[in-house]
N, C-alpha and C. Protein backbone atom coordinates (compact mmCIF):
# COMPACT_ATOMS: atom_id res chain seq x y z
N UNK A 1 -0.73 15.39 3.62
CA UNK A 1 -1.62 14.29 3.87
C UNK A 1 -1.74 14.12 5.37
N UNK A 2 -2.89 14.35 5.89
CA UNK A 2 -3.11 14.20 7.32
C UNK A 2 -3.93 12.94 7.54
N UNK A 3 -3.28 11.94 8.06
CA UNK A 3 -3.98 10.69 8.33
C UNK A 3 -4.32 10.59 9.81
N UNK A 4 -5.45 10.02 10.09
CA UNK A 4 -5.92 9.92 11.46
C UNK A 4 -5.14 8.86 12.26
N UNK A 5 -5.20 8.95 13.56
CA UNK A 5 -4.56 7.92 14.40
C UNK A 5 -5.17 6.55 14.15
N UNK A 6 -4.61 5.54 14.77
CA UNK A 6 -5.09 4.17 14.53
C UNK A 6 -6.56 4.03 14.89
N UNK A 7 -7.31 3.67 13.88
CA UNK A 7 -8.75 3.47 14.05
C UNK A 7 -9.13 2.29 13.20
N UNK A 8 -9.89 1.34 13.74
CA UNK A 8 -10.29 0.17 12.97
C UNK A 8 -11.15 0.60 11.80
N UNK A 9 -10.96 -0.08 10.67
CA UNK A 9 -11.76 0.20 9.48
C UNK A 9 -13.19 -0.28 9.74
N UNK A 10 -14.19 0.35 9.10
CA UNK A 10 -15.57 -0.14 9.24
C UNK A 10 -15.71 -1.53 8.70
N UNK A 11 -16.69 -2.26 9.22
CA UNK A 11 -16.94 -3.63 8.75
C UNK A 11 -17.29 -3.57 7.28
N UNK A 12 -16.78 -4.55 6.51
CA UNK A 12 -17.10 -4.60 5.09
C UNK A 12 -16.14 -3.86 4.21
N UNK A 13 -15.11 -3.24 4.77
CA UNK A 13 -14.13 -2.55 3.96
C UNK A 13 -13.22 -3.60 3.32
N UNK A 14 -12.96 -3.50 2.01
CA UNK A 14 -12.15 -4.51 1.35
C UNK A 14 -10.67 -4.45 1.82
N UNK A 15 -9.95 -5.54 1.58
CA UNK A 15 -8.53 -5.53 1.93
C UNK A 15 -7.80 -4.42 1.16
N UNK A 16 -6.63 -4.05 1.70
CA UNK A 16 -5.84 -3.02 1.04
C UNK A 16 -5.39 -3.45 -0.34
N UNK A 17 -5.37 -2.50 -1.30
CA UNK A 17 -4.78 -2.85 -2.59
C UNK A 17 -3.27 -3.03 -2.42
N UNK A 18 -2.62 -3.63 -3.39
CA UNK A 18 -1.16 -3.77 -3.30
C UNK A 18 -0.48 -2.41 -3.23
N UNK A 19 0.62 -2.36 -2.48
CA UNK A 19 1.39 -1.09 -2.37
C UNK A 19 1.89 -0.70 -3.77
N UNK A 20 1.84 0.56 -4.06
CA UNK A 20 2.35 1.06 -5.33
C UNK A 20 3.87 1.26 -5.24
N UNK A 21 4.54 0.94 -6.32
CA UNK A 21 5.97 1.19 -6.38
C UNK A 21 6.19 2.70 -6.63
N UNK A 22 7.05 3.29 -5.83
CA UNK A 22 7.38 4.69 -5.99
C UNK A 22 8.90 4.82 -6.13
N UNK A 23 9.32 5.61 -7.08
CA UNK A 23 10.73 5.96 -7.16
C UNK A 23 10.93 7.16 -6.27
N UNK A 24 11.89 7.07 -5.38
CA UNK A 24 12.14 8.20 -4.48
C UNK A 24 12.90 9.27 -5.22
N UNK A 25 12.33 10.46 -5.34
CA UNK A 25 13.03 11.52 -6.05
C UNK A 25 14.23 12.02 -5.20
N UNK A 26 15.16 12.72 -5.84
CA UNK A 26 16.29 13.23 -5.08
C UNK A 26 15.82 14.10 -3.92
N UNK A 27 16.53 14.01 -2.81
CA UNK A 27 16.20 14.78 -1.63
C UNK A 27 16.52 16.25 -1.90
N UNK A 28 15.69 17.15 -1.38
CA UNK A 28 16.01 18.57 -1.48
C UNK A 28 17.40 18.83 -0.87
N UNK A 29 17.97 19.95 -1.17
CA UNK A 29 19.35 20.25 -0.78
C UNK A 29 19.53 20.48 0.69
N UNK A 30 19.11 19.53 1.50
CA UNK A 30 19.28 19.65 2.94
C UNK A 30 19.09 18.28 3.58
N UNK A 31 19.95 17.99 4.55
CA UNK A 31 19.86 16.71 5.29
C UNK A 31 18.65 16.74 6.23
N UNK A 32 17.97 17.86 6.31
CA UNK A 32 16.79 17.96 7.21
C UNK A 32 15.59 17.21 6.65
N UNK A 33 15.61 16.79 5.39
CA UNK A 33 14.48 16.14 4.76
C UNK A 33 14.62 14.63 4.77
N UNK A 34 13.52 13.94 5.01
CA UNK A 34 13.45 12.48 4.91
C UNK A 34 12.25 12.11 4.02
N UNK A 35 12.30 10.93 3.48
CA UNK A 35 11.22 10.46 2.59
C UNK A 35 10.11 9.81 3.38
N UNK A 36 8.88 10.26 3.18
CA UNK A 36 7.68 9.64 3.76
C UNK A 36 7.02 8.89 2.64
N UNK A 37 7.01 7.53 2.69
CA UNK A 37 6.43 6.76 1.58
C UNK A 37 4.92 7.00 1.41
N UNK A 38 4.45 6.76 0.22
CA UNK A 38 3.04 6.89 -0.06
C UNK A 38 2.23 5.78 0.63
N UNK A 39 0.92 5.99 0.71
CA UNK A 39 0.07 5.01 1.38
C UNK A 39 -1.36 5.11 0.85
N UNK A 40 -2.11 4.06 1.06
CA UNK A 40 -3.54 4.07 0.77
C UNK A 40 -4.29 4.62 1.96
N UNK A 41 -5.37 5.39 1.66
CA UNK A 41 -6.25 5.86 2.71
C UNK A 41 -7.68 5.55 2.31
N UNK A 42 -8.50 5.08 3.24
CA UNK A 42 -9.88 4.71 2.96
C UNK A 42 -10.68 6.00 2.86
N UNK A 43 -11.43 6.15 1.77
CA UNK A 43 -12.31 7.29 1.52
C UNK A 43 -13.72 6.76 1.72
N UNK A 44 -14.28 6.98 2.92
CA UNK A 44 -15.59 6.43 3.25
C UNK A 44 -16.69 6.99 2.36
N UNK A 45 -16.56 8.27 1.99
CA UNK A 45 -17.60 8.90 1.13
C UNK A 45 -17.68 8.25 -0.24
N UNK A 46 -16.53 7.85 -0.76
CA UNK A 46 -16.49 7.22 -2.09
C UNK A 46 -16.47 5.72 -2.00
N UNK A 47 -16.39 5.15 -0.81
CA UNK A 47 -16.29 3.71 -0.58
C UNK A 47 -15.16 3.05 -1.36
N UNK A 48 -13.98 3.69 -1.30
CA UNK A 48 -12.81 3.13 -1.95
C UNK A 48 -11.53 3.69 -1.34
N UNK A 49 -10.43 3.03 -1.63
CA UNK A 49 -9.14 3.51 -1.22
C UNK A 49 -8.64 4.53 -2.20
N UNK A 50 -7.94 5.53 -1.72
CA UNK A 50 -7.26 6.51 -2.56
C UNK A 50 -5.78 6.50 -2.21
N UNK A 51 -4.94 6.67 -3.22
CA UNK A 51 -3.49 6.64 -3.04
C UNK A 51 -3.00 8.06 -2.71
N UNK A 52 -2.17 8.17 -1.68
CA UNK A 52 -1.50 9.43 -1.35
C UNK A 52 -0.02 9.20 -1.60
N UNK A 53 0.54 9.84 -2.60
CA UNK A 53 1.94 9.60 -2.96
C UNK A 53 2.90 10.05 -1.87
N UNK A 54 4.07 9.47 -1.89
CA UNK A 54 5.15 9.85 -0.95
C UNK A 54 5.62 11.27 -1.17
N UNK A 55 6.34 11.78 -0.18
CA UNK A 55 6.89 13.13 -0.28
C UNK A 55 8.02 13.29 0.72
N UNK A 56 8.82 14.30 0.47
CA UNK A 56 9.86 14.64 1.42
C UNK A 56 9.27 15.50 2.52
N UNK A 57 9.62 15.22 3.77
CA UNK A 57 9.16 15.99 4.89
C UNK A 57 10.38 16.45 5.72
N UNK A 58 10.17 17.52 6.48
CA UNK A 58 11.26 18.07 7.28
C UNK A 58 11.41 17.25 8.55
N UNK A 59 12.67 16.89 8.86
CA UNK A 59 12.98 16.13 10.08
C UNK A 59 12.65 16.97 11.31
N UNK A 60 12.02 16.33 12.28
CA UNK A 60 11.70 17.00 13.54
C UNK A 60 13.00 17.24 14.32
N UNK A 61 13.13 18.39 14.92
CA UNK A 61 14.34 18.72 15.73
C UNK A 61 14.52 17.68 16.83
N UNK A 62 15.72 17.19 16.97
CA UNK A 62 16.04 16.23 18.01
C UNK A 62 15.71 14.78 17.65
N UNK A 63 15.00 14.59 16.56
CA UNK A 63 14.63 13.21 16.14
C UNK A 63 15.80 12.57 15.37
N UNK A 64 15.98 11.30 15.59
CA UNK A 64 17.04 10.60 14.87
C UNK A 64 16.50 9.65 13.80
N UNK A 65 15.23 9.27 13.94
CA UNK A 65 14.69 8.26 13.00
C UNK A 65 13.20 8.55 12.74
N UNK A 66 12.80 8.35 11.48
CA UNK A 66 11.41 8.47 11.08
C UNK A 66 10.85 7.08 10.89
N UNK A 67 9.70 6.82 11.50
CA UNK A 67 8.99 5.55 11.33
C UNK A 67 7.73 5.84 10.54
N UNK A 68 7.68 5.34 9.30
CA UNK A 68 6.56 5.64 8.41
C UNK A 68 5.27 5.00 8.92
N UNK A 69 4.14 5.66 8.66
CA UNK A 69 2.84 5.09 9.01
C UNK A 69 2.60 3.82 8.22
N UNK A 70 1.72 2.99 8.73
CA UNK A 70 1.43 1.73 8.04
C UNK A 70 0.08 1.19 8.48
N UNK A 71 -0.48 0.37 7.63
CA UNK A 71 -1.73 -0.34 7.95
C UNK A 71 -1.35 -1.66 8.66
N UNK A 72 -2.11 -1.97 9.71
CA UNK A 72 -1.91 -3.25 10.38
C UNK A 72 -3.26 -3.96 10.48
N UNK A 73 -3.23 -5.26 10.40
CA UNK A 73 -4.48 -6.03 10.48
C UNK A 73 -4.58 -6.66 11.86
N UNK A 74 -5.70 -6.41 12.49
CA UNK A 74 -5.99 -7.06 13.79
C UNK A 74 -7.34 -7.74 13.67
N UNK A 75 -7.32 -9.07 13.76
CA UNK A 75 -8.55 -9.82 13.51
C UNK A 75 -8.94 -9.62 12.06
N UNK A 76 -10.19 -9.21 11.80
CA UNK A 76 -10.59 -8.97 10.44
C UNK A 76 -10.61 -7.52 10.04
N UNK A 77 -10.17 -6.63 10.95
CA UNK A 77 -10.19 -5.21 10.67
C UNK A 77 -8.79 -4.68 10.36
N UNK A 78 -8.76 -3.55 9.67
CA UNK A 78 -7.49 -2.85 9.39
C UNK A 78 -7.48 -1.55 10.21
N UNK A 79 -6.29 -1.22 10.68
CA UNK A 79 -6.13 0.02 11.43
C UNK A 79 -4.89 0.75 10.96
N UNK A 80 -4.94 2.08 10.95
CA UNK A 80 -3.80 2.91 10.52
C UNK A 80 -2.95 3.25 11.73
N UNK A 81 -1.67 2.98 11.66
CA UNK A 81 -0.70 3.39 12.67
C UNK A 81 0.05 4.58 12.07
N UNK A 82 -0.14 5.75 12.66
CA UNK A 82 0.40 6.96 12.07
C UNK A 82 1.93 7.02 12.18
N UNK A 83 2.49 7.85 11.33
CA UNK A 83 3.95 8.07 11.32
C UNK A 83 4.38 8.70 12.63
N UNK A 84 5.64 8.49 12.97
CA UNK A 84 6.15 9.09 14.20
C UNK A 84 7.65 9.28 14.08
N UNK A 85 8.17 10.09 14.94
CA UNK A 85 9.62 10.34 15.03
C UNK A 85 10.18 9.73 16.28
N UNK A 86 11.39 9.25 16.23
CA UNK A 86 12.08 8.73 17.42
C UNK A 86 13.37 9.46 17.64
């Protein structure tokens, strides 16, 4: 799932649907993997949100913490803050 950097949603986009509950599956046999939670993404062509389920991703070398991407509201618009490593 490749999500774009923080960009304000177009005017008239409805509020985000409620977050879906996900059960985190067992981690693959390596401490190199971390869980990236699922998220909603706006599909402009279909004029609706689509759900992208969570998945295990490989830890970046030298990183100690994964910060999951999230939607933030500024004024009346929504913007996506992409995932990052610290």
